[in-house]
Amino acid sequence: MANTASARKRIRQTAVRTARNAARKSRMRTFVKKVEAAIASGDKEQAAAALRAAQPEMQRAVGKGVAHLNTVSRKISRLSARIKSISAAG
């Protein structure tokens, strides 16, 4: 257990920050799942709209340090490619 007041404060700050980051990461994952569900349904317009809604949330996670830039860029690129392939298949 922390002995100094500054160490106790650090523990409180870390707990708050951890909860906030977990919420951001969860929110990002939820948006990605919505895109994947729309892709699975085969509706290109709905999938494109879901991706447009998900992109800012994913970029915000990068800006806040929750996700890495290259990881998010790769995910956006792959989702976009899957959405493009819907019309080719359908």
PDB file of N, CA and C in Angstrom:
ATOM      1  N   MET A   1       0.853  -1.187   0.000  1.00  0.00           N
ATOM      2  CA  MET A   1       0.000   0.000   0.000  1.00  0.00           C
ATOM      3  C   MET A   1       0.890   1.238   0.000  1.00  0.00           C
ATOM      4  N   ALA A   2       0.391   2.291  -0.630  1.00  0.00           N
ATOM      5  CA  ALA A   2       1.153   3.526  -0.750  1.00  0.00           C
ATOM      6  C   ALA A   2       1.305   4.213   0.603  1.00  0.00           C
ATOM      7  N   ASN A   3       2.497   4.737   0.827  1.00  0.00           N
ATOM      8  CA  ASN A   3       2.786   5.387   2.103  1.00  0.00           C
ATOM      9  C   ASN A   3       2.617   6.894   2.054  1.00  0.00           C
ATOM     10  N   THR A   4       2.936   7.498   0.923  1.00  0.00           N
ATOM     11  CA  THR A   4       2.887   8.959   0.847  1.00  0.00           C
ATOM     12  C   THR A   4       1.580   9.426   0.223  1.00  0.00           C
ATOM     13  N   ALA A   5       1.255  10.683   0.484  1.00  0.00           N
ATOM     14  CA  ALA A   5       0.035  11.271  -0.069  1.00  0.00           C
ATOM     15  C   ALA A   5       0.111  11.319  -1.591  1.00  0.00           C
ATOM     16  N   SER A   6       1.286  11.612  -2.130  1.00  0.00           N
ATOM     17  CA  SER A   6       1.432  11.698  -3.585  1.00  0.00           C
ATOM     18  C   SER A   6       1.243  10.328  -4.233  1.00  0.00           C
ATOM     19  N   ALA A   7       1.712   9.283  -3.559  1.00  0.00           N
ATOM     20  CA  ALA A   7       1.535   7.935  -4.100  1.00  0.00           C
ATOM     21  C   ALA A   7       0.065   7.526  -4.056  1.00  0.00           C
ATOM     22  N   ARG A   8      -0.654   7.920  -2.993  1.00  0.00           N
ATOM     23  CA  ARG A   8      -2.082   7.619  -2.912  1.00  0.00           C
ATOM     24  C   ARG A   8      -2.847   8.348  -4.020  1.00  0.00           C
ATOM     25  N   LYS A   9      -2.448   9.591  -4.267  1.00  0.00           N
ATOM     26  CA  LYS A   9      -3.086  10.360  -5.338  1.00  0.00           C
ATOM     27  C   LYS A   9      -2.826   9.703  -6.692  1.00  0.00           C
ATOM     28  N   ARG A  10      -1.612   9.238  -6.894  1.00  0.00           N
ATOM     29  CA  ARG A  10      -1.265   8.555  -8.141  1.00  0.00           C
ATOM     30  C   ARG A  10      -2.145   7.327  -8.364  1.00  0.00           C
ATOM     31  N   ILE A  11      -2.404   6.580  -7.294  1.00  0.00           N
ATOM     32  CA  ILE A  11      -3.260   5.396  -7.393  1.00  0.00           C
ATOM     33  C   ILE A  11      -4.662   5.802  -7.831  1.00  0.00           C
ATOM     34  N   ARG A  12      -5.187   6.892  -7.240  1.00  0.00           N
ATOM     35  CA  ARG A  12      -6.511   7.375  -7.627  1.00  0.00           C
ATOM     36  C   ARG A  12      -6.523   7.806  -9.089  1.00  0.00           C
ATOM     37  N   GLN A  13      -5.499   8.548  -9.499  1.00  0.00           N
ATOM     38  CA  GLN A  13      -5.435   9.032 -10.880  1.00  0.00           C
ATOM     39  C   GLN A  13      -5.364   7.863 -11.869  1.00  0.00           C
ATOM     40  N   THR A  14      -4.580   6.874 -11.533  1.00  0.00           N
ATOM     41  CA  THR A  14      -4.424   5.716 -12.414  1.00  0.00           C
ATOM     42  C   THR A  14      -5.738   4.967 -12.557  1.00  0.00           C
ATOM     43  N   ALA A  15      -6.481   4.826 -11.451  1.00  0.00           N
ATOM     44  CA  ALA A  15      -7.764   4.125 -11.500  1.00  0.00           C
ATOM     45  C   ALA A  15      -8.743   4.854 -12.413  1.00  0.00           C
ATOM     46  N   VAL A  16      -8.798   6.167 -12.305  1.00  0.00           N
ATOM     47  CA  VAL A  16      -9.700   6.965 -13.138  1.00  0.00           C
ATOM     48  C   VAL A  16      -9.287   6.848 -14.605  1.00  0.00           C
ATOM     49  N   ARG A  17      -8.003   6.986 -14.863  1.00  0.00           N
ATOM     50  CA  ARG A  17      -7.496   6.945 -16.238  1.00  0.00           C
ATOM     51  C   ARG A  17      -7.720   5.573 -16.870  1.00  0.00           C
ATOM     52  N   THR A  18      -7.520   4.518 -16.094  1.00  0.00           N
ATOM     53  CA  THR A  18      -7.713   3.155 -16.598  1.00  0.00           C
ATOM     54  C   THR A  18      -9.167   2.927 -16.984  1.00  0.00           C
ATOM     55  N   ALA A  19     -10.080   3.387 -16.142  1.00  0.00           N
ATOM     56  CA  ALA A  19     -11.506   3.232 -16.435  1.00  0.00           C
ATOM     57  C   ALA A  19     -11.889   4.015 -17.688  1.00  0.00           C
ATOM     58  N   ARG A  20     -11.358   5.215 -17.815  1.00  0.00           N
ATOM     59  CA  ARG A  20     -11.666   6.063 -18.967  1.00  0.00           C
ATOM     60  C   ARG A  20     -11.143   5.426 -20.257  1.00  0.00           C
ATOM     61  N   ASN A  21      -9.911   4.908 -20.204  1.00  0.00           N
ATOM     62  CA  ASN A  21      -9.322   4.280 -21.387  1.00  0.00           C
ATOM     63  C   ASN A  21     -10.070   3.009 -21.768  1.00  0.00           C
ATOM     64  N   ALA A  22     -10.505   2.237 -20.770  1.00  0.00           N
ATOM     65  CA  ALA A  22     -11.259   1.015 -21.048  1.00  0.00           C
ATOM     66  C   ALA A  22     -12.581   1.361 -21.726  1.00  0.00           C
ATOM     67  N   ALA A  23     -13.215   2.437 -21.276  1.00  0.00           N
ATOM     68  CA  ALA A  23     -14.482   2.861 -21.879  1.00  0.00           C
ATOM     69  C   ALA A  23     -14.267   3.301 -23.321  1.00  0.00           C
ATOM     70  N   ARG A  24     -13.185   4.021 -23.575  1.00  0.00           N
ATOM     71  CA  ARG A  24     -12.882   4.463 -24.942  1.00  0.00           C
ATOM     72  C   ARG A  24     -12.635   3.275 -25.861  1.00  0.00           C
ATOM     73  N   LYS A  25     -11.868   2.313 -25.370  1.00  0.00           N
ATOM     74  CA  LYS A  25     -11.541   1.131 -26.175  1.00  0.00           C
ATOM     75  C   LYS A  25     -12.810   0.323 -26.455  1.00  0.00           C
ATOM     76  N   SER A  26     -13.664   0.190 -25.441  1.00  0.00           N
ATOM     77  CA  SER A  26     -14.915  -0.548 -25.591  1.00  0.00           C
ATOM     78  C   SER A  26     -15.823   0.141 -26.604  1.00  0.00           C
ATOM     79  N   ARG A  27     -15.890   1.464 -26.533  1.00  0.00           N
ATOM     80  CA  ARG A  27     -16.719   2.236 -27.458  1.00  0.00           C
ATOM     81  C   ARG A  27     -16.234   2.033 -28.892  1.00  0.00           C
ATOM     82  N   MET A  28     -14.927   2.049 -29.072  1.00  0.00           N
ATOM     83  CA  MET A  28     -14.352   1.849 -30.404  1.00  0.00           C
ATOM     84  C   MET A  28     -14.724   0.455 -30.930  1.00  0.00           C
ATOM     85  N   ARG A  29     -14.595  -0.552 -30.086  1.00  0.00           N
ATOM     86  CA  ARG A  29     -14.909  -1.929 -30.488  1.00  0.00           C
ATOM     87  C   ARG A  29     -16.385  -2.062 -30.867  1.00  0.00           C
ATOM     88  N   THR A  30     -17.256  -1.371 -30.123  1.00  0.00           N
ATOM     89  CA  THR A  30     -18.687  -1.424 -30.401  1.00  0.00           C
ATOM     90  C   THR A  30     -18.980  -0.868 -31.789  1.00  0.00           C
ATOM     91  N   PHE A  31     -18.349   0.242 -32.144  1.00  0.00           N
ATOM     92  CA  PHE A  31     -18.548   0.833 -33.466  1.00  0.00           C
ATOM     93  C   PHE A  31     -18.050  -0.109 -34.559  1.00  0.00           C
ATOM     94  N   VAL A  32     -16.921  -0.770 -34.323  1.00  0.00           N
ATOM     95  CA  VAL A  32     -16.382  -1.708 -35.311  1.00  0.00           C
ATOM     96  C   VAL A  32     -17.334  -2.888 -35.478  1.00  0.00           C
ATOM     97  N   LYS A  33     -17.909  -3.366 -34.385  1.00  0.00           N
ATOM     98  CA  LYS A  33     -18.854  -4.484 -34.459  1.00  0.00           C
ATOM     99  C   LYS A  33     -20.091  -4.098 -35.263  1.00  0.00           C
ATOM    100  N   LYS A  34     -20.536  -2.848 -35.140  1.00  0.00           N
ATOM    101  CA  LYS A  34     -21.683  -2.390 -35.917  1.00  0.00           C
ATOM    102  C   LYS A  34     -21.368  -2.422 -37.408  1.00  0.00           C
ATOM    103  N   VAL A  35     -20.147  -2.033 -37.762  1.00  0.00           N
ATOM    104  CA  VAL A  35     -19.730  -2.071 -39.168  1.00  0.00           C
ATOM    105  C   VAL A  35     -19.709  -3.516 -39.651  1.00  0.00           C
ATOM    106  N   GLU A  36     -19.127  -4.403 -38.850  1.00  0.00           N
ATOM    107  CA  GLU A  36     -19.030  -5.808 -39.251  1.00  0.00           C
ATOM    108  C   GLU A  36     -20.419  -6.450 -39.381  1.00  0.00           C
ATOM    109  N   ALA A  37     -21.338  -6.073 -38.516  1.00  0.00           N
ATOM    110  CA  ALA A  37     -22.701  -6.596 -38.605  1.00  0.00           C
ATOM    111  C   ALA A  37     -23.374  -6.111 -39.892  1.00  0.00           C
ATOM    112  N   ALA A  38     -23.143  -4.858 -40.250  1.00  0.00           N
ATOM    113  CA  ALA A  38     -23.720  -4.310 -41.476  1.00  0.00           C
ATOM    114  C   ALA A  38     -23.123  -4.991 -42.706  1.00  0.00           C
ATOM    115  N   ILE A  39     -21.830  -5.284 -42.655  1.00  0.00           N
ATOM    116  CA  ILE A  39     -21.178  -5.996 -43.760  1.00  0.00           C
ATOM    117  C   ILE A  39     -21.776  -7.393 -43.890  1.00  0.00           C
ATOM    118  N   ALA A  40     -21.979  -8.052 -42.764  1.00  0.00           N
ATOM    119  CA  ALA A  40     -22.538  -9.405 -42.771  1.00  0.00           C
ATOM    120  C   ALA A  40     -23.963  -9.428 -43.331  1.00  0.00           C
ATOM    121  N   SER A  41     -24.709  -8.354 -43.094  1.00  0.00           N
ATOM    122  CA  SER A  41     -26.086  -8.303 -43.595  1.00  0.00           C
ATOM    123  C   SER A  41     -26.121  -8.086 -45.104  1.00  0.00           C
ATOM    124  N   GLY A  42     -25.017  -7.596 -45.680  1.00  0.00           N
ATOM    125  CA  GLY A  42     -24.928  -7.409 -47.125  1.00  0.00           C
ATOM    126  C   GLY A  42     -25.452  -6.081 -47.618  1.00  0.00           C
ATOM    127  N   ASP A  43     -25.802  -5.176 -46.713  1.00  0.00           N
ATOM    128  CA  ASP A  43     -26.317  -3.857 -47.097  1.00  0.00           C
ATOM    129  C   ASP A  43     -25.150  -2.880 -47.195  1.00  0.00           C
ATOM    130  N   LYS A  44     -24.777  -2.545 -48.436  1.00  0.00           N
ATOM    131  CA  LYS A  44     -23.587  -1.707 -48.650  1.00  0.00           C
ATOM    132  C   LYS A  44     -23.771  -0.294 -48.083  1.00  0.00           C
ATOM    133  N   GLU A  45     -24.950   0.297 -48.284  1.00  0.00           N
ATOM    134  CA  GLU A  45     -25.188   1.668 -47.807  1.00  0.00           C
ATOM    135  C   GLU A  45     -25.119   1.735 -46.283  1.00  0.00           C
ATOM    136  N   GLN A  46     -25.744   0.754 -45.646  1.00  0.00           N
ATOM    137  CA  GLN A  46     -25.744   0.716 -44.180  1.00  0.00           C
ATOM    138  C   GLN A  46     -24.322   0.495 -43.660  1.00  0.00           C
ATOM    139  N   ALA A  47     -23.568  -0.362 -44.319  1.00  0.00           N
ATOM    140  CA  ALA A  47     -22.190  -0.631 -43.903  1.00  0.00           C
ATOM    141  C   ALA A  47     -21.320   0.607 -44.069  1.00  0.00           C
ATOM    142  N   ALA A  48     -21.507   1.316 -45.184  1.00  0.00           N
ATOM    143  CA  ALA A  48     -20.731   2.529 -45.421  1.00  0.00           C
ATOM    144  C   ALA A  48     -21.054   3.598 -44.381  1.00  0.00           C
ATOM    145  N   ALA A  49     -22.330   3.715 -44.036  1.00  0.00           N
ATOM    146  CA  ALA A  49     -22.745   4.690 -43.019  1.00  0.00           C
ATOM    147  C   ALA A  49     -22.157   4.316 -41.660  1.00  0.00           C
ATOM    148  N   ALA A  50     -22.151   3.023 -41.355  1.00  0.00           N
ATOM    149  CA  ALA A  50     -21.590   2.581 -40.076  1.00  0.00           C
ATOM    150  C   ALA A  50     -20.093   2.857 -40.025  1.00  0.00           C
ATOM    151  N   LEU A  51     -19.397   2.677 -41.143  1.00  0.00           N
ATOM    152  CA  LEU A  51     -17.962   2.958 -41.180  1.00  0.00           C
ATOM    153  C   LEU A  51     -17.697   4.452 -41.015  1.00  0.00           C
ATOM    154  N   ARG A  52     -18.534   5.276 -41.648  1.00  0.00           N
ATOM    155  CA  ARG A  52     -18.376   6.737 -41.496  1.00  0.00           C
ATOM    156  C   ARG A  52     -18.566   7.155 -40.040  1.00  0.00           C
ATOM    157  N   ALA A  53     -19.442   6.462 -39.324  1.00  0.00           N
ATOM    158  CA  ALA A  53     -19.663   6.763 -37.906  1.00  0.00           C
ATOM    159  C   ALA A  53     -18.517   6.229 -37.051  1.00  0.00           C
ATOM    160  N   ALA A  54     -17.925   5.115 -37.473  1.00  0.00           N
ATOM    161  CA  ALA A  54     -16.876   4.470 -36.678  1.00  0.00           C
ATOM    162  C   ALA A  54     -15.523   5.156 -36.823  1.00  0.00           C
ATOM    163  N   GLN A  55     -15.242   5.707 -38.000  1.00  0.00           N
ATOM    164  CA  GLN A  55     -13.920   6.288 -38.247  1.00  0.00           C
ATOM    165  C   GLN A  55     -13.528   7.374 -37.252  1.00  0.00           C
ATOM    166  N   PRO A  56     -14.373   8.366 -36.983  1.00  0.00           N
ATOM    167  CA  PRO A  56     -13.961   9.391 -36.013  1.00  0.00           C
ATOM    168  C   PRO A  56     -13.704   8.817 -34.628  1.00  0.00           C
ATOM    169  N   GLU A  57     -14.504   7.825 -34.252  1.00  0.00           N
ATOM    170  CA  GLU A  57     -14.329   7.212 -32.930  1.00  0.00           C
ATOM    171  C   GLU A  57     -12.997   6.480 -32.859  1.00  0.00           C
ATOM    172  N   MET A  58     -12.623   5.814 -33.933  1.00  0.00           N
ATOM    173  CA  MET A  58     -11.352   5.088 -33.970  1.00  0.00           C
ATOM    174  C   MET A  58     -10.181   6.074 -33.961  1.00  0.00           C
ATOM    175  N   GLN A  59     -10.309   7.158 -34.715  1.00  0.00           N
ATOM    176  CA  GLN A  59      -9.244   8.168 -34.742  1.00  0.00           C
ATOM    177  C   GLN A  59      -9.110   8.862 -33.391  1.00  0.00           C
ATOM    178  N   ARG A  60     -10.230   9.048 -32.713  1.00  0.00           N
ATOM    179  CA  ARG A  60     -10.198   9.658 -31.380  1.00  0.00           C
ATOM    180  C   ARG A  60      -9.436   8.763 -30.407  1.00  0.00           C
ATOM    181  N   ALA A  61      -9.614   7.458 -30.541  1.00  0.00           N
ATOM    182  CA  ALA A  61      -8.886   6.515 -29.688  1.00  0.00           C
ATOM    183  C   ALA A  61      -7.379   6.645 -29.924  1.00  0.00           C
ATOM    184  N   VAL A  62      -6.988   6.887 -31.172  1.00  0.00           N
ATOM    185  CA  VAL A  62      -5.570   7.091 -31.483  1.00  0.00           C
ATOM    186  C   VAL A  62      -5.081   8.375 -30.812  1.00  0.00           C
ATOM    187  N   GLY A  63      -5.866   9.429 -30.936  1.00  0.00           N
ATOM    188  CA  GLY A  63      -5.478  10.721 -30.370  1.00  0.00           C
ATOM    189  C   GLY A  63      -5.335  10.683 -28.858  1.00  0.00           C
ATOM    190  N   LYS A  64      -6.140   9.838 -28.217  1.00  0.00           N
ATOM    191  CA  LYS A  64      -6.095   9.731 -26.764  1.00  0.00           C
ATOM    192  C   LYS A  64      -5.061   8.712 -26.295  1.00  0.00           C
ATOM    193  N   GLY A  65      -4.415   8.024 -27.241  1.00  0.00           N
ATOM    194  CA  GLY A  65      -3.368   7.074 -26.864  1.00  0.00           C
ATOM    195  C   GLY A  65      -3.890   5.706 -26.476  1.00  0.00           C
ATOM    196  N   VAL A  66      -5.146   5.422 -26.788  1.00  0.00           N
ATOM    197  CA  VAL A  66      -5.733   4.133 -26.426  1.00  0.00           C
ATOM    198  C   VAL A  66      -5.390   3.074 -27.470  1.00  0.00           C
ATOM    199  N   ALA A  67      -5.308   3.495 -28.727  1.00  0.00           N
ATOM    200  CA  ALA A  67      -4.988   2.576 -29.826  1.00  0.00           C
ATOM    201  C   ALA A  67      -3.838   3.165 -30.641  1.00  0.00           C
ATOM    202  N   HIS A  68      -3.136   2.305 -31.340  1.00  0.00           N
ATOM    203  CA  HIS A  68      -2.001   2.746 -32.147  1.00  0.00           C
ATOM    204  C   HIS A  68      -2.495   3.179 -33.526  1.00  0.00           C
ATOM    205  N   LEU A  69      -1.874   4.206 -34.076  1.00  0.00           N
ATOM    206  CA  LEU A  69      -2.275   4.772 -35.365  1.00  0.00           C
ATOM    207  C   LEU A  69      -2.280   3.725 -36.470  1.00  0.00           C
ATOM    208  N   ASN A  70      -1.213   2.944 -36.580  1.00  0.00           N
ATOM    209  CA  ASN A  70      -1.131   1.954 -37.663  1.00  0.00           C
ATOM    210  C   ASN A  70      -2.186   0.872 -37.518  1.00  0.00           C
ATOM    211  N   THR A  71      -2.490   0.497 -36.291  1.00  0.00           N
ATOM    212  CA  THR A  71      -3.516  -0.525 -36.053  1.00  0.00           C
ATOM    213  C   THR A  71      -4.873  -0.028 -36.530  1.00  0.00           C
ATOM    214  N   VAL A  72      -5.215   1.188 -36.164  1.00  0.00           N
ATOM    215  CA  VAL A  72      -6.497   1.753 -36.559  1.00  0.00           C
ATOM    216  C   VAL A  72      -6.551   1.954 -38.067  1.00  0.00           C
ATOM    217  N   SER A  73      -5.459   2.422 -38.655  1.00  0.00           N
ATOM    218  CA  SER A  73      -5.415   2.610 -40.105  1.00  0.00           C
ATOM    219  C   SER A  73      -5.635   1.282 -40.820  1.00  0.00           C
ATOM    220  N   ARG A  74      -5.011   0.238 -40.323  1.00  0.00           N
ATOM    221  CA  ARG A  74      -5.169  -1.091 -40.927  1.00  0.00           C
ATOM    222  C   ARG A  74      -6.617  -1.571 -40.819  1.00  0.00           C
ATOM    223  N   LYS A  75      -7.223  -1.379 -39.651  1.00  0.00           N
ATOM    224  CA  LYS A  75      -8.602  -1.820 -39.459  1.00  0.00           C
ATOM    225  C   LYS A  75      -9.557  -1.064 -40.382  1.00  0.00           C
ATOM    226  N   ILE A  76      -9.386   0.249 -40.488  1.00  0.00           N
ATOM    227  CA  ILE A  76     -10.238   1.057 -41.357  1.00  0.00           C
ATOM    228  C   ILE A  76     -10.077   0.613 -42.807  1.00  0.00           C
ATOM    229  N   SER A  77      -8.833   0.376 -43.208  1.00  0.00           N
ATOM    230  CA  SER A  77      -8.555  -0.046 -44.580  1.00  0.00           C
ATOM    231  C   SER A  77      -9.216  -1.380 -44.887  1.00  0.00           C
ATOM    232  N   ARG A  78      -9.111  -2.327 -43.984  1.00  0.00           N
ATOM    233  CA  ARG A  78      -9.682  -3.659 -44.214  1.00  0.00           C
ATOM    234  C   ARG A  78     -11.208  -3.624 -44.220  1.00  0.00           C
ATOM    235  N   LEU A  79     -11.800  -2.825 -43.315  1.00  0.00           N
ATOM    236  CA  LEU A  79     -13.254  -2.698 -43.306  1.00  0.00           C
ATOM    237  C   LEU A  79     -13.738  -2.050 -44.598  1.00  0.00           C
ATOM    238  N   SER A  80     -13.025  -1.030 -45.040  1.00  0.00           N
ATOM    239  CA  SER A  80     -13.376  -0.334 -46.269  1.00  0.00           C
ATOM    240  C   SER A  80     -13.308  -1.275 -47.467  1.00  0.00           C
ATOM    241  N   ALA A  81     -12.273  -2.100 -47.517  1.00  0.00           N
ATOM    242  CA  ALA A  81     -12.132  -3.057 -48.618  1.00  0.00           C
ATOM    243  C   ALA A  81     -13.270  -4.070 -48.606  1.00  0.00           C
ATOM    244  N   ARG A  82     -13.668  -4.499 -47.402  1.00  0.00           N
ATOM    245  CA  ARG A  82     -14.773  -5.465 -47.309  1.00  0.00           C
ATOM    246  C   ARG A  82     -16.089  -4.836 -47.767  1.00  0.00           C
ATOM    247  N   ILE A  83     -16.271  -3.553 -47.465  1.00  0.00           N
ATOM    248  CA  ILE A  83     -17.482  -2.862 -47.895  1.00  0.00           C
ATOM    249  C   ILE A  83     -17.488  -2.716 -49.409  1.00  0.00           C
ATOM    250  N   LYS A  84     -16.349  -2.406 -49.996  1.00  0.00           N
ATOM    251  CA  LYS A  84     -16.250  -2.280 -51.458  1.00  0.00           C
ATOM    252  C   LYS A  84     -16.580  -3.591 -52.145  1.00  0.00           C
ATOM    253  N   SER A  85     -16.187  -4.696 -51.532  1.00  0.00           N
ATOM    254  CA  SER A  85     -16.392  -6.009 -52.168  1.00  0.00           C
ATOM    255  C   SER A  85     -17.856  -6.465 -52.108  1.00  0.00           C
ATOM    256  N   ILE A  86     -18.698  -5.785 -51.331  1.00  0.00           N
ATOM    257  CA  ILE A  86     -20.101  -6.191 -51.222  1.00  0.00           C
ATOM    258  C   ILE A  86     -20.790  -6.060 -52.585  1.00  0.00           C
ATOM    259  N   SER A  87     -20.579  -4.938 -53.293  1.00  0.00           N
ATOM    260  CA  SER A  87     -21.250  -4.733 -54.574  1.00  0.00           C
ATOM    261  C   SER A  87     -20.733  -5.693 -55.639  1.00  0.00           C
ATOM    262  N   ALA A  88     -19.443  -6.041 -55.566  1.00  0.00           N
ATOM    263  CA  ALA A  88     -18.868  -6.965 -56.539  1.00  0.00           C
ATOM    264  C   ALA A  88     -19.494  -8.346 -56.390  1.00  0.00           C
ATOM    265  N   ALA A  89     -19.765  -8.737 -55.139  1.00  0.00           N
ATOM    266  CA  ALA A  89     -20.357 -10.055 -54.897  1.00  0.00           C
ATOM    267  C   ALA A  89     -21.856 -10.038 -55.159  1.00  0.00           C
ATOM    268  N   GLY A  90     -22.511  -8.878 -54.876  1.00  0.00           N
ATOM    269  CA  GLY A  90     -23.967  -8.826 -54.956  1.00  0.00           C
ATOM    270  C   GLY A  90     -24.538  -8.292 -56.207  1.00  0.00           C
TER     271      GLY A  90
END
